[in-house]
Amino acid sequence: MSQGSLLIVDDNLGIRSLLNALFSSKGYTVLTATSGIEALSLAKAQLPDLIISDIKMPGLNGLELREQLHRYNPNIRVILMSAYTDQQEINEILRNGAIDYVMTKPFDLEELSIAVDTLLLNDQHQ
């Protein structure tokens, strides 16, 4: 039985593969996208429960992706990740957007896994 569905968006193949393996092994249905544009199309077609997206990507970045997805589905949950985000930027993102969680790269797999489980478990009990 699936724990829920995730869309992982990152232009880095290694990160996509790592997160796909981690969450697939935990029973999640995992979709992946290499860009914000691809992710937007996939998210509209597949309606994932949660999106994990890099912030810095060519074309449509993670913040723009989140903004467009929230226009389409205001209830979509989003975790953003970036190697280039300092704590002030993270706080600003959390204050101004409907972002559920922000992680800096390199990220701790256990912390990310707990964040995903917590966000999806909270959705199931609401």
PDB file of N, CA and C in Angstrom:
ATOM      1  N   MET A   1       0.846  -1.193   0.000  1.00  0.00           N
ATOM      2  CA  MET A   1       0.000   0.000   0.000  1.00  0.00           C
ATOM      3  C   MET A   1       0.882   1.245   0.000  1.00  0.00           C
ATOM      4  N   SER A   2       0.547   2.208  -0.831  1.00  0.00           N
ATOM      5  CA  SER A   2       1.348   3.425  -0.954  1.00  0.00           C
ATOM      6  C   SER A   2       1.133   4.338   0.249  1.00  0.00           C
ATOM      7  N   GLN A   3       2.227   4.933   0.712  1.00  0.00           N
ATOM      8  CA  GLN A   3       2.186   5.900   1.802  1.00  0.00           C
ATOM      9  C   GLN A   3       1.705   7.257   1.316  1.00  0.00           C
ATOM     10  N   GLY A   4       1.674   7.452   0.012  1.00  0.00           N
ATOM     11  CA  GLY A   4       1.342   8.724  -0.605  1.00  0.00           C
ATOM     12  C   GLY A   4       2.228   8.895  -1.812  1.00  0.00           C
ATOM     13  N   SER A   5       2.021   9.980  -2.527  1.00  0.00           N
ATOM     14  CA  SER A   5       2.812  10.200  -3.738  1.00  0.00           C
ATOM     15  C   SER A   5       3.656  11.461  -3.617  1.00  0.00           C
ATOM     16  N   LEU A   6       4.880  11.347  -4.128  1.00  0.00           N
ATOM     17  CA  LEU A   6       5.838  12.442  -4.097  1.00  0.00           C
ATOM     18  C   LEU A   6       6.289  12.763  -5.510  1.00  0.00           C
ATOM     19  N   LEU A   7       6.523  14.031  -5.756  1.00  0.00           N
ATOM     20  CA  LEU A   7       7.168  14.478  -6.987  1.00  0.00           C
ATOM     21  C   LEU A   7       8.484  15.116  -6.587  1.00  0.00           C
ATOM     22  N   ILE A   8       9.580  14.532  -7.054  1.00  0.00           N
ATOM     23  CA  ILE A   8      10.910  15.047  -6.757  1.00  0.00           C
ATOM     24  C   ILE A   8      11.405  15.806  -7.976  1.00  0.00           C
ATOM     25  N   VAL A   9      11.774  17.074  -7.769  1.00  0.00           N
ATOM     26  CA  VAL A   9      12.181  17.947  -8.864  1.00  0.00           C
ATOM     27  C   VAL A   9      13.582  18.464  -8.590  1.00  0.00           C
ATOM     28  N   ASP A  10      14.522  18.066  -9.430  1.00  0.00           N
ATOM     29  CA  ASP A  10      15.892  18.536  -9.286  1.00  0.00           C
ATOM     30  C   ASP A  10      16.602  18.309 -10.607  1.00  0.00           C
ATOM     31  N   ASP A  11      17.429  19.259 -11.011  1.00  0.00           N
ATOM     32  CA  ASP A  11      18.171  19.092 -12.255  1.00  0.00           C
ATOM     33  C   ASP A  11      19.403  18.220 -12.061  1.00  0.00           C
ATOM     34  N   ASN A  12      19.651  17.770 -10.829  1.00  0.00           N
ATOM     35  CA  ASN A  12      20.785  16.904 -10.512  1.00  0.00           C
ATOM     36  C   ASN A  12      20.303  15.448 -10.466  1.00  0.00           C
ATOM     37  N   LEU A  13      20.797  14.630 -11.399  1.00  0.00           N
ATOM     38  CA  LEU A  13      20.386  13.234 -11.494  1.00  0.00           C
ATOM     39  C   LEU A  13      20.683  12.464 -10.214  1.00  0.00           C
ATOM     40  N   GLY A  14      21.836  12.714  -9.601  1.00  0.00           N
ATOM     41  CA  GLY A  14      22.203  12.005  -8.382  1.00  0.00           C
ATOM     42  C   GLY A  14      21.209  12.224  -7.257  1.00  0.00           C
ATOM     43  N   ILE A  15      20.767  13.447  -7.080  1.00  0.00           N
ATOM     44  CA  ILE A  15      19.803  13.762  -6.022  1.00  0.00           C
ATOM     45  C   ILE A  15      18.451  13.133  -6.340  1.00  0.00           C
ATOM     46  N   ARG A  16      18.013  13.239  -7.600  1.00  0.00           N
ATOM     47  CA  ARG A  16      16.743  12.609  -7.979  1.00  0.00           C
ATOM     48  C   ARG A  16      16.785  11.101  -7.705  1.00  0.00           C
ATOM     49  N   SER A  17      17.877  10.466  -8.104  1.00  0.00           N
ATOM     50  CA  SER A  17      18.004   9.014  -7.929  1.00  0.00           C
ATOM     51  C   SER A  17      18.038   8.632  -6.451  1.00  0.00           C
ATOM     52  N   LEU A  18      18.792   9.364  -5.651  1.00  0.00           N
ATOM     53  CA  LEU A  18      18.897   9.087  -4.228  1.00  0.00           C
ATOM     54  C   LEU A  18      17.541   9.206  -3.539  1.00  0.00           C
ATOM     55  N   LEU A  19      16.836  10.297  -3.805  1.00  0.00           N
ATOM     56  CA  LEU A  19      15.542  10.508  -3.161  1.00  0.00           C
ATOM     57  C   LEU A  19      14.489   9.531  -3.679  1.00  0.00           C
ATOM     58  N   ASN A  20      14.559   9.198  -4.959  1.00  0.00           N
ATOM     59  CA  ASN A  20      13.643   8.210  -5.525  1.00  0.00           C
ATOM     60  C   ASN A  20      13.830   6.874  -4.808  1.00  0.00           C
ATOM     61  N   ALA A  21      15.078   6.440  -4.655  1.00  0.00           N
ATOM     62  CA  ALA A  21      15.362   5.169  -3.986  1.00  0.00           C
ATOM     63  C   ALA A  21      14.901   5.199  -2.522  1.00  0.00           C
ATOM     64  N   LEU A  22      15.213   6.289  -1.814  1.00  0.00           N
ATOM     65  CA  LEU A  22      14.836   6.411  -0.406  1.00  0.00           C
ATOM     66  C   LEU A  22      13.325   6.306  -0.222  1.00  0.00           C
ATOM     67  N   PHE A  23      12.585   7.113  -0.945  1.00  0.00           N
ATOM     68  CA  PHE A  23      11.146   7.170  -0.702  1.00  0.00           C
ATOM     69  C   PHE A  23      10.390   6.001  -1.327  1.00  0.00           C
ATOM     70  N   SER A  24      10.889   5.457  -2.415  1.00  0.00           N
ATOM     71  CA  SER A  24      10.282   4.239  -2.969  1.00  0.00           C
ATOM     72  C   SER A  24      10.407   3.094  -1.972  1.00  0.00           C
ATOM     73  N   SER A  25      11.568   2.996  -1.318  1.00  0.00           N
ATOM     74  CA  SER A  25      11.782   1.919  -0.345  1.00  0.00           C
ATOM     75  C   SER A  25      10.888   2.069   0.886  1.00  0.00           C
ATOM     76  N   LYS A  26      10.396   3.277   1.129  1.00  0.00           N
ATOM     77  CA  LYS A  26       9.504   3.523   2.272  1.00  0.00           C
ATOM     78  C   LYS A  26       8.029   3.373   1.892  1.00  0.00           C
ATOM     79  N   GLY A  27       7.761   2.977   0.631  1.00  0.00           N
ATOM     80  CA  GLY A  27       6.389   2.733   0.207  1.00  0.00           C
ATOM     81  C   GLY A  27       5.693   3.894  -0.464  1.00  0.00           C
ATOM     82  N   TYR A  28       6.420   4.975  -0.719  1.00  0.00           N
ATOM     83  CA  TYR A  28       5.824   6.114  -1.423  1.00  0.00           C
ATOM     84  C   TYR A  28       5.828   5.859  -2.932  1.00  0.00           C
ATOM     85  N   THR A  29       4.848   6.367  -3.628  1.00  0.00           N
ATOM     86  CA  THR A  29       4.852   6.402  -5.080  1.00  0.00           C
ATOM     87  C   THR A  29       5.655   7.638  -5.459  1.00  0.00           C
ATOM     88  N   VAL A  30       6.708   7.471  -6.252  1.00  0.00           N
ATOM     89  CA  VAL A  30       7.620   8.570  -6.550  1.00  0.00           C
ATOM     90  C   VAL A  30       7.628   8.881  -8.038  1.00  0.00           C
ATOM     91  N   LEU A  31       7.435  10.151  -8.342  1.00  0.00           N
ATOM     92  CA  LEU A  31       7.598  10.688  -9.685  1.00  0.00           C
ATOM     93  C   LEU A  31       8.804  11.606  -9.647  1.00  0.00           C
ATOM     94  N   THR A  32       9.506  11.745 -10.759  1.00  0.00           N
ATOM     95  CA  THR A  32      10.636  12.664 -10.798  1.00  0.00           C
ATOM     96  C   THR A  32      10.537  13.568 -12.017  1.00  0.00           C
ATOM     97  N   ALA A  33      11.107  14.750 -11.882  1.00  0.00           N
ATOM     98  CA  ALA A  33      11.169  15.709 -12.979  1.00  0.00           C
ATOM     99  C   ALA A  33      12.519  16.407 -12.938  1.00  0.00           C
ATOM    100  N   THR A  34      13.028  16.762 -14.105  1.00  0.00           N
ATOM    101  CA  THR A  34      14.345  17.393 -14.211  1.00  0.00           C
ATOM    102  C   THR A  34      14.274  18.914 -14.212  1.00  0.00           C
ATOM    103  N   SER A  35      13.066  19.468 -14.307  1.00  0.00           N
ATOM    104  CA  SER A  35      12.921  20.925 -14.368  1.00  0.00           C
ATOM    105  C   SER A  35      11.581  21.337 -13.788  1.00  0.00           C
ATOM    106  N   GLY A  36      11.473  22.616 -13.478  1.00  0.00           N
ATOM    107  CA  GLY A  36      10.215  23.150 -12.984  1.00  0.00           C
ATOM    108  C   GLY A  36       9.102  23.045 -14.002  1.00  0.00           C
ATOM    109  N   ILE A  37       9.428  23.232 -15.263  1.00  0.00           N
ATOM    110  CA  ILE A  37       8.417  23.159 -16.327  1.00  0.00           C
ATOM    111  C   ILE A  37       7.875  21.732 -16.436  1.00  0.00           C
ATOM    112  N   GLU A  38       8.788  20.749 -16.428  1.00  0.00           N
ATOM    113  CA  GLU A  38       8.363  19.353 -16.469  1.00  0.00           C
ATOM    114  C   GLU A  38       7.531  19.016 -15.227  1.00  0.00           C
ATOM    115  N   ALA A  39       7.955  19.503 -14.078  1.00  0.00           N
ATOM    116  CA  ALA A  39       7.256  19.229 -12.824  1.00  0.00           C
ATOM    117  C   ALA A  39       5.843  19.811 -12.825  1.00  0.00           C
ATOM    118  N   LEU A  40       5.687  20.990 -13.358  1.00  0.00           N
ATOM    119  CA  LEU A  40       4.374  21.628 -13.405  1.00  0.00           C
ATOM    120  C   LEU A  40       3.405  20.767 -14.211  1.00  0.00           C
ATOM    121  N   SER A  41       3.852  20.292 -15.343  1.00  0.00           N
ATOM    122  CA  SER A  41       3.031  19.434 -16.189  1.00  0.00           C
ATOM    123  C   SER A  41       2.693  18.119 -15.482  1.00  0.00           C
ATOM    124  N   LEU A  42       3.707  17.489 -14.885  1.00  0.00           N
ATOM    125  CA  LEU A  42       3.496  16.223 -14.167  1.00  0.00           C
ATOM    126  C   LEU A  42       2.555  16.400 -12.983  1.00  0.00           C
ATOM    127  N   ALA A  43       2.747  17.473 -12.232  1.00  0.00           N
ATOM    128  CA  ALA A  43       1.923  17.712 -11.041  1.00  0.00           C
ATOM    129  C   ALA A  43       0.457  17.918 -11.409  1.00  0.00           C
ATOM    130  N   LYS A  44       0.208  18.599 -12.491  1.00  0.00           N
ATOM    131  CA  LYS A  44      -1.177  18.811 -12.925  1.00  0.00           C
ATOM    132  C   LYS A  44      -1.813  17.506 -13.381  1.00  0.00           C
ATOM    133  N   ALA A  45      -1.034  16.632 -14.001  1.00  0.00           N
ATOM    134  CA  ALA A  45      -1.555  15.363 -14.503  1.00  0.00           C
ATOM    135  C   ALA A  45      -1.678  14.304 -13.409  1.00  0.00           C
ATOM    136  N   GLN A  46      -0.717  14.254 -12.494  1.00  0.00           N
ATOM    137  CA  GLN A  46      -0.647  13.167 -11.512  1.00  0.00           C
ATOM    138  C   GLN A  46      -1.127  13.536 -10.107  1.00  0.00           C
ATOM    139  N   LEU A  47      -1.221  14.821  -9.797  1.00  0.00           N
ATOM    140  CA  LEU A  47      -1.681  15.308  -8.493  1.00  0.00           C
ATOM    141  C   LEU A  47      -0.964  14.653  -7.307  1.00  0.00           C
ATOM    142  N   PRO A  48       0.358  14.867  -7.186  1.00  0.00           N
ATOM    143  CA  PRO A  48       1.082  14.267  -6.055  1.00  0.00           C
ATOM    144  C   PRO A  48       0.660  14.893  -4.731  1.00  0.00           C
ATOM    145  N   ASP A  49       0.886  14.137  -3.659  1.00  0.00           N
ATOM    146  CA  ASP A  49       0.552  14.631  -2.327  1.00  0.00           C
ATOM    147  C   ASP A  49       1.566  15.658  -1.830  1.00  0.00           C
ATOM    148  N   LEU A  50       2.802  15.533  -2.301  1.00  0.00           N
ATOM    149  CA  LEU A  50       3.887  16.385  -1.820  1.00  0.00           C
ATOM    150  C   LEU A  50       4.917  16.561  -2.919  1.00  0.00           C
ATOM    151  N   ILE A  51       5.495  17.746  -2.982  1.00  0.00           N
ATOM    152  CA  ILE A  51       6.556  18.019  -3.946  1.00  0.00           C
ATOM    153  C   ILE A  51       7.814  18.388  -3.181  1.00  0.00           C
ATOM    154  N   ILE A  52       8.925  17.770  -3.573  1.00  0.00           N
ATOM    155  CA  ILE A  52      10.243  18.127  -3.056  1.00  0.00           C
ATOM    156  C   ILE A  52      10.989  18.710  -4.238  1.00  0.00           C
ATOM    157  N   SER A  53      11.343  19.985  -4.160  1.00  0.00           N
ATOM    158  CA  SER A  53      11.934  20.653  -5.311  1.00  0.00           C
ATOM    159  C   SER A  53      13.171  21.454  -4.940  1.00  0.00           C
ATOM    160  N   ASP A  54      14.148  21.404  -5.827  1.00  0.00           N
ATOM    161  CA  ASP A  54      15.286  22.292  -5.745  1.00  0.00           C
ATOM    162  C   ASP A  54      14.775  23.715  -5.993  1.00  0.00           C
ATOM    163  N   ILE A  55      15.424  24.704  -5.427  1.00  0.00           N
ATOM    164  CA  ILE A  55      15.040  26.092  -5.691  1.00  0.00           C
ATOM    165  C   ILE A  55      15.701  26.577  -6.968  1.00  0.00           C
ATOM    166  N   LYS A  56      17.001  26.397  -7.081  1.00  0.00           N
ATOM    167  CA  LYS A  56      17.764  26.939  -8.212  1.00  0.00           C
ATOM    168  C   LYS A  56      17.780  25.942  -9.365  1.00  0.00           C
ATOM    169  N   MET A  57      16.946  26.227 -10.370  1.00  0.00           N
ATOM    170  CA  MET A  57      16.905  25.415 -11.589  1.00  0.00           C
ATOM    171  C   MET A  57      16.743  26.348 -12.772  1.00  0.00           C
ATOM    172  N   PRO A  58      17.247  25.940 -13.925  1.00  0.00           N
ATOM    173  CA  PRO A  58      17.042  26.767 -15.110  1.00  0.00           C
ATOM    174  C   PRO A  58      15.565  26.797 -15.499  1.00  0.00           C
ATOM    175  N   GLY A  59      15.161  27.869 -16.131  1.00  0.00           N
ATOM    176  CA  GLY A  59      13.761  27.994 -16.545  1.00  0.00           C
ATOM    177  C   GLY A  59      12.906  28.383 -15.356  1.00  0.00           C
ATOM    178  N   LEU A  60      12.003  27.522 -14.990  1.00  0.00           N
ATOM    179  CA  LEU A  60      11.089  27.738 -13.873  1.00  0.00           C
ATOM    180  C   LEU A  60      11.770  27.245 -12.594  1.00  0.00           C
ATOM    181  N   ASN A  61      12.106  28.158 -11.666  1.00  0.00           N
ATOM    182  CA  ASN A  61      12.786  27.724 -10.443  1.00  0.00           C
ATOM    183  C   ASN A  61      11.768  27.193  -9.427  1.00  0.00           C
ATOM    184  N   GLY A  62      12.259  26.677  -8.313  1.00  0.00           N
ATOM    185  CA  GLY A  62      11.392  26.059  -7.321  1.00  0.00           C
ATOM    186  C   GLY A  62      10.361  26.996  -6.718  1.00  0.00           C
ATOM    187  N   LEU A  63      10.741  28.246  -6.485  1.00  0.00           N
ATOM    188  CA  LEU A  63       9.783  29.215  -5.943  1.00  0.00           C
ATOM    189  C   LEU A  63       8.684  29.529  -6.952  1.00  0.00           C
ATOM    190  N   GLU A  64       9.068  29.696  -8.207  1.00  0.00           N
ATOM    191  CA  GLU A  64       8.078  29.954  -9.261  1.00  0.00           C
ATOM    192  C   GLU A  64       7.172  28.738  -9.469  1.00  0.00           C
ATOM    193  N   LEU A  65       7.759  27.552  -9.398  1.00  0.00           N
ATOM    194  CA  LEU A  65       6.980  26.317  -9.510  1.00  0.00           C
ATOM    195  C   LEU A  65       5.935  26.267  -8.400  1.00  0.00           C
ATOM    196  N   ARG A  66       6.360  26.512  -7.171  1.00  0.00           N
ATOM    197  CA  ARG A  66       5.438  26.506  -6.046  1.00  0.00           C
ATOM    198  C   ARG A  66       4.308  27.506  -6.234  1.00  0.00           C
ATOM    199  N   GLU A  67       4.660  28.696  -6.695  1.00  0.00           N
ATOM    200  CA  GLU A  67       3.651  29.731  -6.907  1.00  0.00           C
ATOM    201  C   GLU A  67       2.619  29.293  -7.948  1.00  0.00           C
ATOM    202  N   GLN A  68       3.078  28.739  -9.058  1.00  0.00           N
ATOM    203  CA  GLN A  68       2.155  28.294 -10.104  1.00  0.00           C
ATOM    204  C   GLN A  68       1.318  27.104  -9.650  1.00  0.00           C
ATOM    205  N   LEU A  69       1.925  26.184  -8.920  1.00  0.00           N
ATOM    206  CA  LEU A  69       1.174  25.025  -8.427  1.00  0.00           C
ATOM    207  C   LEU A  69       0.102  25.436  -7.431  1.00  0.00           C
ATOM    208  N   HIS A  70       0.397  26.413  -6.593  1.00  0.00           N
ATOM    209  CA  HIS A  70      -0.583  26.855  -5.606  1.00  0.00           C
ATOM    210  C   HIS A  70      -1.762  27.565  -6.255  1.00  0.00           C
ATOM    211  N   ARG A  71      -1.559  28.142  -7.417  1.00  0.00           N
ATOM    212  CA  ARG A  71      -2.698  28.711  -8.156  1.00  0.00           C
ATOM    213  C   ARG A  71      -3.600  27.593  -8.661  1.00  0.00           C
ATOM    214  N   TYR A  72      -2.987  26.495  -9.048  1.00  0.00           N
ATOM    215  CA  TYR A  72      -3.717  25.345  -9.577  1.00  0.00           C
ATOM    216  C   TYR A  72      -4.323  24.505  -8.444  1.00  0.00           C
ATOM    217  N   ASN A  73      -3.546  24.292  -7.373  1.00  0.00           N
ATOM    218  CA  ASN A  73      -3.986  23.499  -6.232  1.00  0.00           C
ATOM    219  C   ASN A  73      -3.414  24.112  -4.950  1.00  0.00           C
ATOM    220  N   PRO A  74      -4.178  24.959  -4.270  1.00  0.00           N
ATOM    221  CA  PRO A  74      -3.663  25.651  -3.088  1.00  0.00           C
ATOM    222  C   PRO A  74      -3.308  24.719  -1.924  1.00  0.00           C
ATOM    223  N   ASN A  75      -3.721  23.470  -1.974  1.00  0.00           N
ATOM    224  CA  ASN A  75      -3.449  22.539  -0.879  1.00  0.00           C
ATOM    225  C   ASN A  75      -2.190  21.703  -1.066  1.00  0.00           C
ATOM    226  N   ILE A  76      -1.514  21.855  -2.204  1.00  0.00           N
ATOM    227  CA  ILE A  76      -0.316  21.047  -2.455  1.00  0.00           C
ATOM    228  C   ILE A  76       0.765  21.398  -1.438  1.00  0.00           C
ATOM    229  N   ARG A  77       1.433  20.368  -0.920  1.00  0.00           N
ATOM    230  CA  ARG A  77       2.502  20.558   0.062  1.00  0.00           C
ATOM    231  C   ARG A  77       3.830  20.626  -0.680  1.00  0.00           C
ATOM    232  N   VAL A  78       4.734  21.504  -0.222  1.00  0.00           N
ATOM    233  CA  VAL A  78       6.002  21.715  -0.917  1.00  0.00           C
ATOM    234  C   VAL A  78       7.153  21.779   0.080  1.00  0.00           C
ATOM    235  N   ILE A  79       8.204  21.042  -0.235  1.00  0.00           N
ATOM    236  CA  ILE A  79       9.479  21.162   0.473  1.00  0.00           C
ATOM    237  C   ILE A  79      10.476  21.684  -0.549  1.00  0.00           C
ATOM    238  N   LEU A  80      11.128  22.792  -0.237  1.00  0.00           N
ATOM    239  CA  LEU A  80      12.144  23.336  -1.136  1.00  0.00           C
ATOM    240  C   LEU A  80      13.533  23.055  -0.584  1.00  0.00           C
ATOM    241  N   MET A  81      14.472  22.820  -1.511  1.00  0.00           N
ATOM    242  CA  MET A  81      15.862  22.567  -1.139  1.00  0.00           C
ATOM    243  C   MET A  81      16.764  23.464  -1.980  1.00  0.00           C
ATOM    244  N   SER A  82      17.850  23.909  -1.371  1.00  0.00           N
ATOM    245  CA  SER A  82      18.815  24.683  -2.131  1.00  0.00           C
ATOM    246  C   SER A  82      20.182  24.665  -1.476  1.00  0.00           C
ATOM    247  N   ALA A  83      21.196  24.610  -2.306  1.00  0.00           N
ATOM    248  CA  ALA A  83      22.575  24.721  -1.821  1.00  0.00           C
ATOM    249  C   ALA A  83      22.953  26.186  -1.654  1.00  0.00           C
ATOM    250  N   TYR A  84      22.156  27.090  -2.183  1.00  0.00           N
ATOM    251  CA  TYR A  84      22.527  28.501  -2.240  1.00  0.00           C
ATOM    252  C   TYR A  84      21.685  29.384  -1.340  1.00  0.00           C
ATOM    253  N   THR A  85      20.992  28.814  -0.388  1.00  0.00           N
ATOM    254  CA  THR A  85      20.085  29.593   0.451  1.00  0.00           C
ATOM    255  C   THR A  85      20.666  29.767   1.848  1.00  0.00           C
ATOM    256  N   ASP A  86      20.816  31.022   2.288  1.00  0.00           N
ATOM    257  CA  ASP A  86      21.272  31.243   3.655  1.00  0.00           C
ATOM    258  C   ASP A  86      20.060  31.317   4.596  1.00  0.00           C
ATOM    259  N   GLN A  87      20.302  31.357   5.899  1.00  0.00           N
ATOM    260  CA  GLN A  87      19.220  31.293   6.878  1.00  0.00           C
ATOM    261  C   GLN A  87      18.237  32.447   6.729  1.00  0.00           C
ATOM    262  N   GLN A  88      18.716  33.652   6.410  1.00  0.00           N
ATOM    263  CA  GLN A  88      17.804  34.784   6.219  1.00  0.00           C
ATOM    264  C   GLN A  88      16.875  34.518   5.036  1.00  0.00           C
ATOM    265  N   GLU A  89      17.426  33.976   3.942  1.00  0.00           N
ATOM    266  CA  GLU A  89      16.583  33.652   2.788  1.00  0.00           C
ATOM    267  C   GLU A  89      15.560  32.576   3.146  1.00  0.00           C
ATOM    268  N   ILE A  90      15.988  31.575   3.901  1.00  0.00           N
ATOM    269  CA  ILE A  90      15.069  30.513   4.318  1.00  0.00           C
ATOM    270  C   ILE A  90      13.921  31.101   5.130  1.00  0.00           C
ATOM    271  N   ASN A  91      14.242  31.945   6.087  1.00  0.00           N
ATOM    272  CA  ASN A  91      13.201  32.566   6.906  1.00  0.00           C
ATOM    273  C   ASN A  91      12.250  33.396   6.054  1.00  0.00           C
ATOM    274  N   GLU A  92      12.789  34.114   5.077  1.00  0.00           N
ATOM    275  CA  GLU A  92      11.958  34.931   4.187  1.00  0.00           C
ATOM    276  C   GLU A  92      11.025  34.059   3.356  1.00  0.00           C
ATOM    277  N   ILE A  93      11.546  32.952   2.830  1.00  0.00           N
ATOM    278  CA  ILE A  93      10.727  32.023   2.045  1.00  0.00           C
ATOM    279  C   ILE A  93       9.591  31.469   2.908  1.00  0.00           C
ATOM    280  N   LEU A  94       9.910  31.049   4.110  1.00  0.00           N
ATOM    281  CA  LEU A  94       8.890  30.487   5.001  1.00  0.00           C
ATOM    282  C   LEU A  94       7.830  31.525   5.372  1.00  0.00           C
ATOM    283  N   ARG A  95       8.244  32.784   5.558  1.00  0.00           N
ATOM    284  CA  ARG A  95       7.292  33.847   5.907  1.00  0.00           C
ATOM    285  C   ARG A  95       6.374  34.209   4.750  1.00  0.00           C
ATOM    286  N   ASN A  96       6.911  34.249   3.547  1.00  0.00           N
ATOM    287  CA  ASN A  96       6.170  34.818   2.421  1.00  0.00           C
ATOM    288  C   ASN A  96       5.503  33.807   1.503  1.00  0.00           C
ATOM    289  N   GLY A  97       5.752  32.544   1.676  1.00  0.00           N
ATOM    290  CA  GLY A  97       5.165  31.580   0.757  1.00  0.00           C
ATOM    291  C   GLY A  97       4.458  30.477   1.491  1.00  0.00           C
ATOM    292  N   ALA A  98       3.755  29.695   0.727  1.00  0.00           N
ATOM    293  CA  ALA A  98       3.067  28.538   1.296  1.00  0.00           C
ATOM    294  C   ALA A  98       4.001  27.340   1.222  1.00  0.00           C
ATOM    295  N   ILE A  99       5.211  27.542   1.696  1.00  0.00           N
ATOM    296  CA  ILE A  99       6.211  26.486   1.721  1.00  0.00           C
ATOM    297  C   ILE A  99       6.085  25.778   3.050  1.00  0.00           C
ATOM    298  N   ASP A 100       6.095  24.475   3.012  1.00  0.00           N
ATOM    299  CA  ASP A 100       5.964  23.711   4.238  1.00  0.00           C
ATOM    300  C   ASP A 100       7.295  23.496   4.930  1.00  0.00           C
ATOM    301  N   TYR A 101       8.378  23.471   4.156  1.00  0.00           N
ATOM    302  CA  TYR A 101       9.679  23.189   4.752  1.00  0.00           C
ATOM    303  C   TYR A 101      10.762  23.582   3.763  1.00  0.00           C
ATOM    304  N   VAL A 102      11.875  24.085   4.271  1.00  0.00           N
ATOM    305  CA  VAL A 102      13.019  24.432   3.428  1.00  0.00           C
ATOM    306  C   VAL A 102      14.241  23.718   3.987  1.00  0.00           C
ATOM    307  N   MET A 103      14.976  23.060   3.110  1.00  0.00           N
ATOM    308  CA  MET A 103      16.202  22.370   3.512  1.00  0.00           C
ATOM    309  C   MET A 103      17.370  22.921   2.717  1.00  0.00           C
ATOM    310  N   THR A 104      18.504  22.993   3.361  1.00  0.00           N
ATOM    311  CA  THR A 104      19.703  23.397   2.647  1.00  0.00           C
ATOM    312  C   THR A 104      20.490  22.156   2.247  1.00  0.00           C
ATOM    313  N   LYS A 105      21.126  22.239   1.083  1.00  0.00           N
ATOM    314  CA  LYS A 105      21.983  21.156   0.615  1.00  0.00           C
ATOM    315  C   LYS A 105      23.395  21.419   1.101  1.00  0.00           C
ATOM    316  N   PRO A 106      24.165  20.436   1.483  1.00  0.00           N
ATOM    317  CA  PRO A 106      23.746  19.034   1.524  1.00  0.00           C
ATOM    318  C   PRO A 106      22.749  18.828   2.655  1.00  0.00           C
ATOM    319  N   PHE A 107      21.772  17.992   2.419  1.00  0.00           N
ATOM    320  CA  PHE A 107      20.719  17.782   3.404  1.00  0.00           C
ATOM    321  C   PHE A 107      20.907  16.442   4.090  1.00  0.00           C
ATOM    322  N   ASP A 108      20.305  16.342   5.245  1.00  0.00           N
ATOM    323  CA  ASP A 108      20.323  15.117   6.018  1.00  0.00           C
ATOM    324  C   ASP A 108      19.134  14.266   5.566  1.00  0.00           C
ATOM    325  N   LEU A 109      19.400  13.049   5.095  1.00  0.00           N
ATOM    326  CA  LEU A 109      18.328  12.190   4.585  1.00  0.00           C
ATOM    327  C   LEU A 109      17.288  11.871   5.648  1.00  0.00           C
ATOM    328  N   GLU A 110      17.730  11.657   6.872  1.00  0.00           N
ATOM    329  CA  GLU A 110      16.779  11.346   7.937  1.00  0.00           C
ATOM    330  C   GLU A 110      15.877  12.544   8.228  1.00  0.00           C
ATOM    331  N   GLU A 111      16.459  13.743   8.247  1.00  0.00           N
ATOM    332  CA  GLU A 111      15.651  14.947   8.482  1.00  0.00           C
ATOM    333  C   GLU A 111      14.613  15.125   7.379  1.00  0.00           C
ATOM    334  N   LEU A 112      15.024  14.920   6.125  1.00  0.00           N
ATOM    335  CA  LEU A 112      14.087  15.046   5.012  1.00  0.00           C
ATOM    336  C   LEU A 112      12.998  13.984   5.102  1.00  0.00           C
ATOM    337  N   SER A 113      13.387  12.775   5.421  1.00  0.00           N
ATOM    338  CA  SER A 113      12.423  11.682   5.540  1.00  0.00           C
ATOM    339  C   SER A 113      11.399  11.968   6.636  1.00  0.00           C
ATOM    340  N   ILE A 114      11.861  12.473   7.760  1.00  0.00           N
ATOM    341  CA  ILE A 114      10.951  12.822   8.854  1.00  0.00           C
ATOM    342  C   ILE A 114      10.013  13.946   8.425  1.00  0.00           C
ATOM    343  N   ALA A 115      10.528  14.941   7.728  1.00  0.00           N
ATOM    344  CA  ALA A 115       9.694  16.056   7.264  1.00  0.00           C
ATOM    345  C   ALA A 115       8.605  15.547   6.325  1.00  0.00           C
ATOM    346  N   VAL A 116       8.968  14.671   5.397  1.00  0.00           N
ATOM    347  CA  VAL A 116       7.985  14.111   4.452  1.00  0.00           C
ATOM    348  C   VAL A 116       6.929  13.314   5.209  1.00  0.00           C
ATOM    349  N   ASP A 117       7.372  12.405   6.066  1.00  0.00           N
ATOM    350  CA  ASP A 117       6.425  11.592   6.835  1.00  0.00           C
ATOM    351  C   ASP A 117       5.487  12.468   7.653  1.00  0.00           C
ATOM    352  N   THR A 118       6.028  13.490   8.305  1.00  0.00           N
ATOM    353  CA  THR A 118       5.233  14.370   9.152  1.00  0.00           C
ATOM    354  C   THR A 118       4.205  15.145   8.334  1.00  0.00           C
ATOM    355  N   LEU A 119       4.627  15.721   7.222  1.00  0.00           N
ATOM    356  CA  LEU A 119       3.704  16.499   6.390  1.00  0.00           C
ATOM    357  C   LEU A 119       2.580  15.629   5.841  1.00  0.00           C
ATOM    358  N   LEU A 120       2.903  14.445   5.369  1.00  0.00           N
ATOM    359  CA  LEU A 120       1.876  13.581   4.788  1.00  0.00           C
ATOM    360  C   LEU A 120       1.000  12.943   5.852  1.00  0.00           C
ATOM    361  N   LEU A 121       1.563  12.618   6.998  1.00  0.00           N
ATOM    362  CA  LEU A 121       0.780  12.058   8.089  1.00  0.00           C
ATOM    363  C   LEU A 121      -0.207  13.101   8.607  1.00  0.00           C
ATOM    364  N   ASN A 122       0.244  14.360   8.710  1.00  0.00           N
ATOM    365  CA  ASN A 122      -0.668  15.438   9.143  1.00  0.00           C
ATOM    366  C   ASN A 122      -1.822  15.611   8.162  1.00  0.00           C
ATOM    367  N   ASP A 123      -1.536  15.474   6.854  1.00  0.00           N
ATOM    368  CA  ASP A 123      -2.593  15.591   5.846  1.00  0.00           C
ATOM    369  C   ASP A 123      -3.619  14.482   5.995  1.00  0.00           C
ATOM    370  N   GLN A 124      -3.171  13.267   6.311  1.00  0.00           N
ATOM    371  CA  GLN A 124      -4.079  12.137   6.430  1.00  0.00           C
ATOM    372  C   GLN A 124      -4.999  12.261   7.630  1.00  0.00           C
ATOM    373  N   HIS A 125      -4.567  13.013   8.655  1.00  0.00           N
ATOM    374  CA  HIS A 125      -5.383  13.143   9.869  1.00  0.00           C
ATOM    375  C   HIS A 125      -6.218  14.412   9.896  1.00  0.00           C
ATOM    376  N   GLN A 126      -6.229  15.158   8.819  1.00  0.00           N
ATOM    377  CA  GLN A 126      -7.030  16.386   8.796  1.00  0.00           C
ATOM    378  C   GLN A 126      -8.345  16.150   8.096  1.00  0.00           C
TER     379      GLN A 126
END
